[in-house]
Amino acid sequence: MLAALPTRRQFLGQAAGLTVAGLGLTAPAAAANPFRLRYALASCMYGTASLADVLPEVNKTGAEVIDLWPRVHGNQREQLDQLGFDAFEELLKKNKTKLGVLTRYDLGPLKLQPEMAVAQRFGASIIVTGSGGSKELRGDELKTAIKNFVEQLKPQVEAAAKHGVTIAIENHGNTMINRPESLRWLAEFSPSKHLGIALAPYHLPQDPEVIAGVVRDCGPKVVHFYAWEHGKGAMEKRPVDEQLMQLPGRGPLDFTPILAALKKIDYAGWTEIFMHPVPRGVPILESTAKVSEEINRVRQGYLARCLEKVG
């Protein structure tokens, strides 16, 4: 029987060890390959700003790809249709970035197939949506509903596999996938790698160990991660400083245990620094430059320090 091939992390570690051994040195433990996050930029953080204004911000914020949101949160997905595929592709090339995610709560989980062709056209790997269903379900009733939901999704998941994309279901507070147990059941009943979880800490108990436990339990089914906490919520109009408490480092949630759990599962999906403004559809701050500055503050000033602790 052939031996199992090493994972990327194992291979890099072995290679580093051989190099050090050849020099007669002692290798520092796990220093060669620290865990890092790969960022996607949510277009709706800039409200309904034009794609021509938003796409230059992808690289400025340390992101690799753009996540296009439709109304009511933004309108950049609609802008893509207005521009046409060729013109949008030229904009991507001009700004040296890519489309990585399409967020389509508006379509719902059962009407995503046309969007899969768009994702495939531009190389996007993820389509995010919600589950629907009642947030009031509990216990066996909830478990059965989630099992039935996954069964109902089979044609969509099969189509996603053909297009090379993954459907990511967010744990939204107003749907049946909204609590730790519902996420665990979704992971349990989802055998396909083309159906996963877009994990939103905002909608979970604001306990870092609880959220970290969900990450560990769901493992590779976590395919998208929002760096987003509840703070003072996103449903009522508040002063801007209070709205910004949804962002890591401004609110009280400690992201270090959560990032440690992501490291444990070898998470390699996209991370979005995220929040919802009130009302929806406006930028989180008054200018494009200030939005990007705030995203960088979270990334470089807070999440980077958490990652240093994680190692």
C-alpha atoms as a PDB file:
ATOM      1  CA  MET A   1       0.000   0.000   0.000  1.00  0.00           C
ATOM      2  CA  LEU A   2       1.309   3.469  -0.883  1.00  0.00           C
ATOM      3  CA  ALA A   3       1.963   5.861   1.995  1.00  0.00           C
ATOM      4  CA  ALA A   4      -0.376   8.846   2.262  1.00  0.00           C
ATOM      5  CA  LEU A   5       0.932  11.974   0.590  1.00  0.00           C
ATOM      6  CA  PRO A   6       1.863  14.780   3.019  1.00  0.00           C
ATOM      7  CA  THR A   7      -0.344  17.842   3.298  1.00  0.00           C
ATOM      8  CA  ARG A   8       1.029  21.188   2.094  1.00  0.00           C
ATOM      9  CA  ARG A   9       1.810  22.180   5.688  1.00  0.00           C
ATOM     10  CA  GLN A  10       3.558  18.856   6.382  1.00  0.00           C
ATOM     11  CA  PHE A  11       5.574  19.095   3.163  1.00  0.00           C
ATOM     12  CA  LEU A  12       6.746  22.618   3.919  1.00  0.00           C
ATOM     13  CA  GLY A  13       7.661  21.636   7.452  1.00  0.00           C
ATOM     14  CA  GLN A  14       9.614  18.574   6.275  1.00  0.00           C
ATOM     15  CA  ALA A  15      11.432  20.595   3.623  1.00  0.00           C
ATOM     16  CA  ALA A  16      12.382  23.260   6.164  1.00  0.00           C
ATOM     17  CA  GLY A  17      13.575  20.568   8.557  1.00  0.00           C
ATOM     18  CA  LEU A  18      15.798  18.956   5.922  1.00  0.00           C
ATOM     19  CA  THR A  19      17.323  22.311   5.021  1.00  0.00           C
ATOM     20  CA  VAL A  20      18.084  23.132   8.632  1.00  0.00           C
ATOM     21  CA  ALA A  21      19.441  19.644   9.298  1.00  0.00           C
ATOM     22  CA  GLY A  22      21.818  20.021   6.349  1.00  0.00           C
ATOM     23  CA  LEU A  23      23.235  23.135   7.977  1.00  0.00           C
ATOM     24  CA  GLY A  24      23.635  21.426  11.326  1.00  0.00           C
ATOM     25  CA  LEU A  25      21.103  23.732  13.006  1.00  0.00           C
ATOM     26  CA  THR A  26      18.087  23.143  15.222  1.00  0.00           C
ATOM     27  CA  ALA A  27      14.777  24.147  13.599  1.00  0.00           C
ATOM     28  CA  PRO A  28      12.488  26.458  15.618  1.00  0.00           C
ATOM     29  CA  ALA A  29       9.102  24.788  16.202  1.00  0.00           C
ATOM     30  CA  ALA A  30       6.443  25.732  13.603  1.00  0.00           C
ATOM     31  CA  ALA A  31       8.147  29.054  12.809  1.00  0.00           C
ATOM     32  CA  ALA A  32       8.561  28.439   9.079  1.00  0.00           C
ATOM     33  CA  ASN A  33       4.889  28.433   8.154  1.00  0.00           C
ATOM     34  CA  PRO A  34       2.774  30.709  10.391  1.00  0.00           C
ATOM     35  CA  PHE A  35      -0.983  30.702   9.917  1.00  0.00           C
ATOM     36  CA  ARG A  36      -2.334  33.612   7.904  1.00  0.00           C
ATOM     37  CA  LEU A  37      -5.672  34.836   6.629  1.00  0.00           C
ATOM     38  CA  ARG A  38      -6.564  35.328   2.973  1.00  0.00           C
ATOM     39  CA  TYR A  39      -8.817  38.346   2.607  1.00  0.00           C
ATOM     40  CA  ALA A  40     -11.784  39.116   0.381  1.00  0.00           C
ATOM     41  CA  LEU A  41     -13.182  42.648   0.270  1.00  0.00           C
ATOM     42  CA  ALA A  42     -16.969  43.025   0.627  1.00  0.00           C
ATOM     43  CA  SER A  43     -18.125  45.608  -1.915  1.00  0.00           C
ATOM     44  CA  CYS A  44     -21.055  46.665   0.275  1.00  0.00           C
ATOM     45  CA  MET A  45     -18.682  48.174   2.848  1.00  0.00           C
ATOM     46  CA  TYR A  46     -18.573  51.093   0.385  1.00  0.00           C
ATOM     47  CA  GLY A  47     -22.357  51.305   0.024  1.00  0.00           C
ATOM     48  CA  THR A  48     -23.302  51.758  -3.629  1.00  0.00           C
ATOM     49  CA  ALA A  49     -19.982  53.230  -4.767  1.00  0.00           C
ATOM     50  CA  SER A  50     -19.088  52.439  -8.363  1.00  0.00           C
ATOM     51  CA  LEU A  51     -17.019  49.395  -9.246  1.00  0.00           C
ATOM     52  CA  ALA A  52     -14.491  51.808 -10.748  1.00  0.00           C
ATOM     53  CA  ASP A  53     -14.043  53.294  -7.249  1.00  0.00           C
ATOM     54  CA  VAL A  54     -14.272  50.055  -5.241  1.00  0.00           C
ATOM     55  CA  LEU A  55     -11.980  47.736  -7.208  1.00  0.00           C
ATOM     56  CA  PRO A  56      -8.839  49.870  -6.611  1.00  0.00           C
ATOM     57  CA  GLU A  57      -9.412  49.353  -2.875  1.00  0.00           C
ATOM     58  CA  VAL A  58      -8.990  45.561  -3.042  1.00  0.00           C
ATOM     59  CA  ASN A  59      -5.197  45.643  -3.099  1.00  0.00           C
ATOM     60  CA  LYS A  60      -5.076  48.686  -0.811  1.00  0.00           C
ATOM     61  CA  THR A  61      -6.867  46.707   1.927  1.00  0.00           C
ATOM     62  CA  GLY A  62      -4.640  43.636   1.670  1.00  0.00           C
ATOM     63  CA  ALA A  63      -7.384  41.614  -0.022  1.00  0.00           C
ATOM     64  CA  GLU A  64      -6.865  39.258  -2.947  1.00  0.00           C
ATOM     65  CA  VAL A  65     -10.407  39.260  -4.361  1.00  0.00           C
ATOM     66  CA  ILE A  66     -13.673  41.196  -4.397  1.00  0.00           C
ATOM     67  CA  ASP A  67     -17.001  39.909  -3.059  1.00  0.00           C
ATOM     68  CA  LEU A  68     -19.834  41.524  -5.021  1.00  0.00           C
ATOM     69  CA  TRP A  69     -23.026  42.317  -3.096  1.00  0.00           C
ATOM     70  CA  PRO A  70     -26.423  43.205  -4.590  1.00  0.00           C
ATOM     71  CA  ARG A  71     -29.114  45.462  -3.193  1.00  0.00           C
ATOM     72  CA  VAL A  72     -30.122  46.198  -0.469  1.00  0.00           C
ATOM     73  CA  HIS A  73     -26.619  46.112   0.984  1.00  0.00           C
ATOM     74  CA  GLY A  74     -24.788  47.402  -2.085  1.00  0.00           C
ATOM     75  CA  ASN A  75     -25.388  47.338  -5.826  1.00  0.00           C
ATOM     76  CA  GLN A  76     -22.070  46.268  -7.301  1.00  0.00           C
ATOM     77  CA  ARG A  77     -23.522  42.954  -8.498  1.00  0.00           C
ATOM     78  CA  GLU A  78     -26.115  44.887 -10.497  1.00  0.00           C
ATOM     79  CA  GLN A  79     -23.318  47.128 -11.772  1.00  0.00           C
ATOM     80  CA  LEU A  80     -21.595  44.054 -13.216  1.00  0.00           C
ATOM     81  CA  ASP A  81     -24.698  43.324 -15.304  1.00  0.00           C
ATOM     82  CA  GLN A  82     -24.903  46.938 -16.423  1.00  0.00           C
ATOM     83  CA  LEU A  83     -21.251  46.990 -17.473  1.00  0.00           C
ATOM     84  CA  GLY A  84     -21.297  43.611 -19.175  1.00  0.00           C
ATOM     85  CA  PHE A  85     -18.833  40.773 -18.668  1.00  0.00           C
ATOM     86  CA  ASP A  86     -16.095  42.055 -20.969  1.00  0.00           C
ATOM     87  CA  ALA A  87     -16.012  45.549 -19.471  1.00  0.00           C
ATOM     88  CA  PHE A  88     -16.028  44.115 -15.947  1.00  0.00           C
ATOM     89  CA  GLU A  89     -13.162  41.811 -16.832  1.00  0.00           C
ATOM     90  CA  GLU A  90     -11.193  44.789 -18.104  1.00  0.00           C
ATOM     91  CA  LEU A  91     -11.814  46.603 -14.813  1.00  0.00           C
ATOM     92  CA  LEU A  92     -10.537  43.594 -12.891  1.00  0.00           C
ATOM     93  CA  LYS A  93      -7.402  43.448 -15.029  1.00  0.00           C
ATOM     94  CA  LYS A  94      -6.833  47.178 -14.738  1.00  0.00           C
ATOM     95  CA  ASN A  95      -6.923  46.908 -10.948  1.00  0.00           C
ATOM     96  CA  LYS A  96      -4.944  43.645 -10.821  1.00  0.00           C
ATOM     97  CA  THR A  97      -7.585  41.804  -8.861  1.00  0.00           C
ATOM     98  CA  LYS A  98     -10.145  39.012  -9.249  1.00  0.00           C
ATOM     99  CA  LEU A  99     -13.732  38.143  -8.426  1.00  0.00           C
ATOM    100  CA  GLY A 100     -13.657  35.620  -5.587  1.00  0.00           C
ATOM    101  CA  VAL A 101     -17.150  35.635  -4.070  1.00  0.00           C
ATOM    102  CA  LEU A 102     -20.715  36.378  -5.096  1.00  0.00           C
ATOM    103  CA  THR A 103     -23.152  37.080  -2.261  1.00  0.00           C
ATOM    104  CA  ARG A 104     -26.742  36.305  -3.269  1.00  0.00           C
ATOM    105  CA  TYR A 105     -29.111  36.265  -0.308  1.00  0.00           C
ATOM    106  CA  ASP A 106     -31.624  37.823  -2.683  1.00  0.00           C
ATOM    107  CA  LEU A 107     -31.757  34.659  -4.816  1.00  0.00           C
ATOM    108  CA  GLY A 108     -31.977  32.222  -1.938  1.00  0.00           C
ATOM    109  CA  PRO A 109     -30.424  28.749  -1.892  1.00  0.00           C
ATOM    110  CA  LEU A 110     -32.664  27.162  -4.538  1.00  0.00           C
ATOM    111  CA  LYS A 111     -32.217  29.657  -7.394  1.00  0.00           C
ATOM    112  CA  LEU A 112     -28.450  29.908  -7.654  1.00  0.00           C
ATOM    113  CA  GLN A 113     -27.769  27.997 -10.861  1.00  0.00           C
ATOM    114  CA  PRO A 114     -27.672  31.031 -13.218  1.00  0.00           C
ATOM    115  CA  GLU A 115     -25.218  32.709 -10.825  1.00  0.00           C
ATOM    116  CA  MET A 116     -22.942  29.676 -10.947  1.00  0.00           C
ATOM    117  CA  ALA A 117     -22.214  30.383 -14.606  1.00  0.00           C
ATOM    118  CA  VAL A 118     -21.184  33.935 -13.669  1.00  0.00           C
ATOM    119  CA  ALA A 119     -18.935  32.620 -10.898  1.00  0.00           C
ATOM    120  CA  GLN A 120     -17.331  30.135 -13.291  1.00  0.00           C
ATOM    121  CA  ARG A 121     -16.837  32.822 -15.958  1.00  0.00           C
ATOM    122  CA  PHE A 122     -14.714  34.919 -13.584  1.00  0.00           C
ATOM    123  CA  GLY A 123     -13.164  32.177 -11.464  1.00  0.00           C
ATOM    124  CA  ALA A 124     -15.095  32.933  -8.267  1.00  0.00           C
ATOM    125  CA  SER A 125     -14.991  29.998  -5.852  1.00  0.00           C
ATOM    126  CA  ILE A 126     -17.859  30.830  -3.460  1.00  0.00           C
ATOM    127  CA  ILE A 127     -21.514  31.834  -3.675  1.00  0.00           C
ATOM    128  CA  VAL A 128     -22.900  32.889  -0.284  1.00  0.00           C
ATOM    129  CA  THR A 129     -26.590  32.691   0.552  1.00  0.00           C
ATOM    130  CA  GLY A 130     -28.936  31.920   3.457  1.00  0.00           C
ATOM    131  CA  SER A 131     -30.896  28.814   4.357  1.00  0.00           C
ATOM    132  CA  GLY A 132     -34.362  30.227   4.954  1.00  0.00           C
ATOM    133  CA  GLY A 133     -36.579  28.252   7.322  1.00  0.00           C
ATOM    134  CA  SER A 134     -37.883  29.192  10.735  1.00  0.00           C
ATOM    135  CA  LYS A 135     -35.533  30.536  13.396  1.00  0.00           C
ATOM    136  CA  GLU A 136     -37.911  29.115  16.017  1.00  0.00           C
ATOM    137  CA  LEU A 137     -37.138  25.454  15.274  1.00  0.00           C
ATOM    138  CA  ARG A 138     -35.430  23.482  18.043  1.00  0.00           C
ATOM    139  CA  GLY A 139     -34.210  19.977  18.816  1.00  0.00           C
ATOM    140  CA  ASP A 140     -35.283  17.062  16.637  1.00  0.00           C
ATOM    141  CA  GLU A 141     -37.577  19.286  14.605  1.00  0.00           C
ATOM    142  CA  LEU A 142     -34.640  21.509  13.682  1.00  0.00           C
ATOM    143  CA  LYS A 143     -32.389  18.521  12.961  1.00  0.00           C
ATOM    144  CA  THR A 144     -34.970  17.026  10.607  1.00  0.00           C
ATOM    145  CA  ALA A 145     -35.533  20.363   8.871  1.00  0.00           C
ATOM    146  CA  ILE A 146     -31.796  20.752   8.212  1.00  0.00           C
ATOM    147  CA  LYS A 147     -31.520  17.201   6.900  1.00  0.00           C
ATOM    148  CA  ASN A 148     -34.430  17.871   4.542  1.00  0.00           C
ATOM    149  CA  PHE A 149     -32.865  21.183   3.496  1.00  0.00           C
ATOM    150  CA  VAL A 150     -29.618  19.469   2.478  1.00  0.00           C
ATOM    151  CA  GLU A 151     -31.608  16.876   0.538  1.00  0.00           C
ATOM    152  CA  GLN A 152     -33.538  19.648  -1.225  1.00  0.00           C
ATOM    153  CA  LEU A 153     -30.259  21.334  -2.151  1.00  0.00           C
ATOM    154  CA  LYS A 154     -28.836  18.302  -3.990  1.00  0.00           C
ATOM    155  CA  PRO A 155     -29.597  19.593  -7.534  1.00  0.00           C
ATOM    156  CA  GLN A 156     -27.998  22.932  -6.659  1.00  0.00           C
ATOM    157  CA  VAL A 157     -24.937  21.252  -5.164  1.00  0.00           C
ATOM    158  CA  GLU A 158     -24.556  18.980  -8.196  1.00  0.00           C
ATOM    159  CA  ALA A 159     -24.712  22.043 -10.446  1.00  0.00           C
ATOM    160  CA  ALA A 160     -22.167  23.818  -8.229  1.00  0.00           C
ATOM    161  CA  ALA A 161     -19.780  20.868  -8.620  1.00  0.00           C
ATOM    162  CA  LYS A 162     -20.074  21.072 -12.413  1.00  0.00           C
ATOM    163  CA  HIS A 163     -19.265  24.790 -12.301  1.00  0.00           C
ATOM    164  CA  GLY A 164     -16.407  24.388  -9.837  1.00  0.00           C
ATOM    165  CA  VAL A 165     -17.981  26.545  -7.120  1.00  0.00           C
ATOM    166  CA  THR A 166     -19.098  26.031  -3.526  1.00  0.00           C
ATOM    167  CA  ILE A 167     -22.404  27.132  -2.022  1.00  0.00           C
ATOM    168  CA  ALA A 168     -21.752  28.669   1.405  1.00  0.00           C
ATOM    169  CA  ILE A 169     -24.715  28.917   3.782  1.00  0.00           C
ATOM    170  CA  GLU A 170     -24.439  31.740   6.309  1.00  0.00           C
ATOM    171  CA  ASN A 171     -25.707  31.256   9.856  1.00  0.00           C
ATOM    172  CA  HIS A 172     -28.176  34.131   9.701  1.00  0.00           C
ATOM    173  CA  GLY A 173     -30.159  35.056  12.806  1.00  0.00           C
ATOM    174  CA  ASN A 174     -33.509  35.004  11.010  1.00  0.00           C
ATOM    175  CA  THR A 175     -33.155  31.505   9.528  1.00  0.00           C
ATOM    176  CA  MET A 176     -33.047  27.948  10.818  1.00  0.00           C
ATOM    177  CA  ILE A 177     -29.247  27.873  10.416  1.00  0.00           C
ATOM    178  CA  ASN A 178     -28.599  30.354  13.196  1.00  0.00           C
ATOM    179  CA  ARG A 179     -27.131  28.587  16.253  1.00  0.00           C
ATOM    180  CA  PRO A 180     -24.147  26.337  17.008  1.00  0.00           C
ATOM    181  CA  GLU A 181     -26.181  23.119  16.905  1.00  0.00           C
ATOM    182  CA  SER A 182     -27.717  24.015  13.545  1.00  0.00           C
ATOM    183  CA  LEU A 183     -24.260  24.577  12.065  1.00  0.00           C
ATOM    184  CA  ARG A 184     -23.034  21.246  13.397  1.00  0.00           C
ATOM    185  CA  TRP A 185     -26.009  19.457  11.845  1.00  0.00           C
ATOM    186  CA  LEU A 186     -25.498  21.243   8.531  1.00  0.00           C
ATOM    187  CA  ALA A 187     -21.877  20.060   8.549  1.00  0.00           C
ATOM    188  CA  GLU A 188     -22.927  16.532   9.496  1.00  0.00           C
ATOM    189  CA  PHE A 189     -25.520  16.204   6.737  1.00  0.00           C
ATOM    190  CA  SER A 190     -23.418  17.829   3.965  1.00  0.00           C
ATOM    191  CA  PRO A 191     -21.154  15.221   2.351  1.00  0.00           C
ATOM    192  CA  SER A 192     -20.253  17.319  -0.698  1.00  0.00           C
ATOM    193  CA  LYS A 193     -17.288  19.682  -0.636  1.00  0.00           C
ATOM    194  CA  HIS A 194     -19.440  21.983  -2.782  1.00  0.00           C
ATOM    195  CA  LEU A 195     -21.754  22.789   0.145  1.00  0.00           C
ATOM    196  CA  GLY A 196     -20.272  24.537   3.143  1.00  0.00           C
ATOM    197  CA  ILE A 197     -20.671  27.191   5.819  1.00  0.00           C
ATOM    198  CA  ALA A 198     -20.101  30.945   5.707  1.00  0.00           C
ATOM    199  CA  LEU A 199     -19.424  31.473   9.405  1.00  0.00           C
ATOM    200  CA  ALA A 200     -20.665  34.757  10.887  1.00  0.00           C
ATOM    201  CA  PRO A 201     -19.677  35.222  14.560  1.00  0.00           C
ATOM    202  CA  TYR A 202     -22.106  38.173  14.697  1.00  0.00           C
ATOM    203  CA  HIS A 203     -25.042  35.752  14.754  1.00  0.00           C
ATOM    204  CA  LEU A 204     -23.591  33.391  17.390  1.00  0.00           C
ATOM    205  CA  PRO A 205     -23.255  33.704  21.191  1.00  0.00           C
ATOM    206  CA  GLN A 206     -20.528  36.286  21.792  1.00  0.00           C
ATOM    207  CA  ASP A 207     -18.290  33.799  23.560  1.00  0.00           C
ATOM    208  CA  PRO A 208     -14.976  33.165  21.748  1.00  0.00           C
ATOM    209  CA  GLU A 209     -14.735  29.609  23.068  1.00  0.00           C
ATOM    210  CA  VAL A 210     -18.234  28.767  21.800  1.00  0.00           C
ATOM    211  CA  ILE A 211     -17.418  30.147  18.353  1.00  0.00           C
ATOM    212  CA  ALA A 212     -14.034  28.398  18.327  1.00  0.00           C
ATOM    213  CA  GLY A 213     -15.807  25.149  19.219  1.00  0.00           C
ATOM    214  CA  VAL A 214     -18.123  25.546  16.229  1.00  0.00           C
ATOM    215  CA  VAL A 215     -15.107  26.076  13.971  1.00  0.00           C
ATOM    216  CA  ARG A 216     -13.366  22.954  15.270  1.00  0.00           C
ATOM    217  CA  ASP A 217     -16.506  20.818  15.089  1.00  0.00           C
ATOM    218  CA  CYS A 218     -17.425  21.911  11.555  1.00  0.00           C
ATOM    219  CA  GLY A 219     -13.846  21.703  10.331  1.00  0.00           C
ATOM    220  CA  PRO A 220     -13.507  21.732   6.528  1.00  0.00           C
ATOM    221  CA  LYS A 221     -17.169  22.637   6.079  1.00  0.00           C
ATOM    222  CA  VAL A 222     -16.213  26.190   7.098  1.00  0.00           C
ATOM    223  CA  VAL A 223     -15.448  27.650   3.673  1.00  0.00           C
ATOM    224  CA  HIS A 224     -15.920  31.374   4.323  1.00  0.00           C
ATOM    225  CA  PHE A 225     -15.315  33.455   7.464  1.00  0.00           C
ATOM    226  CA  TYR A 226     -16.593  36.886   8.473  1.00  0.00           C
ATOM    227  CA  ALA A 227     -14.362  38.872  10.826  1.00  0.00           C
ATOM    228  CA  TRP A 228     -17.503  40.349  12.352  1.00  0.00           C
ATOM    229  CA  GLU A 229     -18.873  40.565  15.872  1.00  0.00           C
ATOM    230  CA  HIS A 230     -22.166  41.693  17.331  1.00  0.00           C
ATOM    231  CA  GLY A 231     -20.994  44.770  19.187  1.00  0.00           C
ATOM    232  CA  LYS A 232     -24.144  46.825  19.730  1.00  0.00           C
ATOM    233  CA  GLY A 233     -25.945  45.248  16.818  1.00  0.00           C
ATOM    234  CA  ALA A 234     -26.877  46.301  13.302  1.00  0.00           C
ATOM    235  CA  MET A 235     -30.639  46.703  13.459  1.00  0.00           C
ATOM    236  CA  GLU A 236     -31.020  50.144  15.041  1.00  0.00           C
ATOM    237  CA  LYS A 237     -29.660  53.512  13.993  1.00  0.00           C
ATOM    238  CA  ARG A 238     -26.748  54.395  16.283  1.00  0.00           C
ATOM    239  CA  PRO A 239     -23.816  56.811  16.278  1.00  0.00           C
ATOM    240  CA  VAL A 240     -21.140  55.703  13.829  1.00  0.00           C
ATOM    241  CA  ASP A 241     -18.684  54.789  16.599  1.00  0.00           C
ATOM    242  CA  GLU A 242     -21.261  52.396  18.061  1.00  0.00           C
ATOM    243  CA  GLN A 243     -22.020  50.867  14.672  1.00  0.00           C
ATOM    244  CA  LEU A 244     -18.293  50.278  14.169  1.00  0.00           C
ATOM    245  CA  MET A 245     -18.256  48.082  17.280  1.00  0.00           C
ATOM    246  CA  GLN A 246     -19.232  45.236  14.945  1.00  0.00           C
ATOM    247  CA  LEU A 247     -15.640  45.307  13.679  1.00  0.00           C
ATOM    248  CA  PRO A 248     -12.956  43.191  15.397  1.00  0.00           C
ATOM    249  CA  GLY A 249     -10.932  45.225  17.844  1.00  0.00           C
ATOM    250  CA  ARG A 250     -13.672  47.807  18.348  1.00  0.00           C
ATOM    251  CA  GLY A 251     -16.105  45.473  20.085  1.00  0.00           C
ATOM    252  CA  PRO A 252     -15.406  43.211  23.081  1.00  0.00           C
ATOM    253  CA  LEU A 253     -15.107  39.825  21.311  1.00  0.00           C
ATOM    254  CA  ASP A 254     -11.641  38.251  21.513  1.00  0.00           C
ATOM    255  CA  PHE A 255     -10.842  36.785  18.084  1.00  0.00           C
ATOM    256  CA  THR A 256      -7.627  35.027  19.178  1.00  0.00           C
ATOM    257  CA  PRO A 257      -9.298  31.708  20.194  1.00  0.00           C
ATOM    258  CA  ILE A 258     -11.381  31.814  17.003  1.00  0.00           C
ATOM    259  CA  LEU A 259      -8.312  32.291  14.818  1.00  0.00           C
ATOM    260  CA  ALA A 260      -6.543  29.530  16.755  1.00  0.00           C
ATOM    261  CA  ALA A 261      -9.446  27.230  15.874  1.00  0.00           C
ATOM    262  CA  LEU A 262      -9.232  28.276  12.213  1.00  0.00           C
ATOM    263  CA  LYS A 263      -5.529  27.417  12.316  1.00  0.00           C
ATOM    264  CA  LYS A 264      -6.323  24.021  13.841  1.00  0.00           C
ATOM    265  CA  ILE A 265      -8.638  23.120  10.951  1.00  0.00           C
ATOM    266  CA  ASP A 266      -6.041  24.457   8.459  1.00  0.00           C
ATOM    267  CA  TYR A 267      -8.536  27.022   7.171  1.00  0.00           C
ATOM    268  CA  ALA A 268      -7.614  28.361   3.733  1.00  0.00           C
ATOM    269  CA  GLY A 269     -10.856  30.053   2.663  1.00  0.00           C
ATOM    270  CA  TRP A 270     -11.574  33.755   2.361  1.00  0.00           C
ATOM    271  CA  THR A 271     -11.915  36.070   5.365  1.00  0.00           C
ATOM    272  CA  GLU A 272     -14.027  39.226   5.117  1.00  0.00           C
ATOM    273  CA  ILE A 273     -13.656  42.121   7.532  1.00  0.00           C
ATOM    274  CA  PHE A 274     -17.321  42.979   7.778  1.00  0.00           C
ATOM    275  CA  MET A 275     -20.175  44.900   9.357  1.00  0.00           C
ATOM    276  CA  HIS A 276     -23.653  46.157   8.490  1.00  0.00           C
ATOM    277  CA  PRO A 277     -24.348  49.904   8.565  1.00  0.00           C
ATOM    278  CA  VAL A 278     -27.760  51.326   9.421  1.00  0.00           C
ATOM    279  CA  PRO A 279     -29.501  51.955   7.112  1.00  0.00           C
ATOM    280  CA  ARG A 280     -28.344  49.268   4.686  1.00  0.00           C
ATOM    281  CA  GLY A 281     -26.838  50.425   1.427  1.00  0.00           C
ATOM    282  CA  VAL A 282     -24.724  53.282   2.786  1.00  0.00           C
ATOM    283  CA  PRO A 283     -20.933  53.119   3.230  1.00  0.00           C
ATOM    284  CA  ILE A 284     -19.700  52.341   6.733  1.00  0.00           C
ATOM    285  CA  LEU A 285     -17.832  55.672   6.763  1.00  0.00           C
ATOM    286  CA  GLU A 286     -18.224  58.872   4.785  1.00  0.00           C
ATOM    287  CA  SER A 287     -15.512  58.320   2.158  1.00  0.00           C
ATOM    288  CA  THR A 288     -13.931  55.462   0.244  1.00  0.00           C
ATOM    289  CA  ALA A 289     -10.552  56.305   1.726  1.00  0.00           C
ATOM    290  CA  LYS A 290     -11.878  56.197   5.290  1.00  0.00           C
ATOM    291  CA  VAL A 291     -13.622  52.848   4.719  1.00  0.00           C
ATOM    292  CA  SER A 292     -10.361  51.331   3.488  1.00  0.00           C
ATOM    293  CA  GLU A 293      -8.439  52.930   6.354  1.00  0.00           C
ATOM    294  CA  GLU A 294     -10.807  51.318   8.855  1.00  0.00           C
ATOM    295  CA  ILE A 295     -10.549  47.905   7.184  1.00  0.00           C
ATOM    296  CA  ASN A 296      -6.768  48.186   7.342  1.00  0.00           C
ATOM    297  CA  ARG A 297      -6.931  49.183  10.992  1.00  0.00           C
ATOM    298  CA  VAL A 298      -8.783  45.931  11.710  1.00  0.00           C
ATOM    299  CA  ARG A 299      -6.477  43.831   9.544  1.00  0.00           C
ATOM    300  CA  GLN A 300      -3.116  45.323  10.509  1.00  0.00           C
ATOM    301  CA  GLY A 301      -3.855  46.706  13.939  1.00  0.00           C
ATOM    302  CA  TYR A 302      -6.027  44.011  15.502  1.00  0.00           C
ATOM    303  CA  LEU A 303      -6.216  40.743  13.550  1.00  0.00           C
ATOM    304  CA  ALA A 304      -2.451  40.796  12.937  1.00  0.00           C
ATOM    305  CA  ARG A 305      -1.860  40.947  16.700  1.00  0.00           C
ATOM    306  CA  CYS A 306      -4.265  38.034  17.225  1.00  0.00           C
ATOM    307  CA  LEU A 307      -2.397  36.049  14.561  1.00  0.00           C
ATOM    308  CA  GLU A 308       0.911  36.738  16.304  1.00  0.00           C
ATOM    309  CA  LYS A 309      -0.509  35.128  19.450  1.00  0.00           C
ATOM    310  CA  VAL A 310      -1.762  32.158  17.450  1.00  0.00           C
ATOM    311  CA  GLY A 311       1.615  31.674  15.735  1.00  0.00           C
END
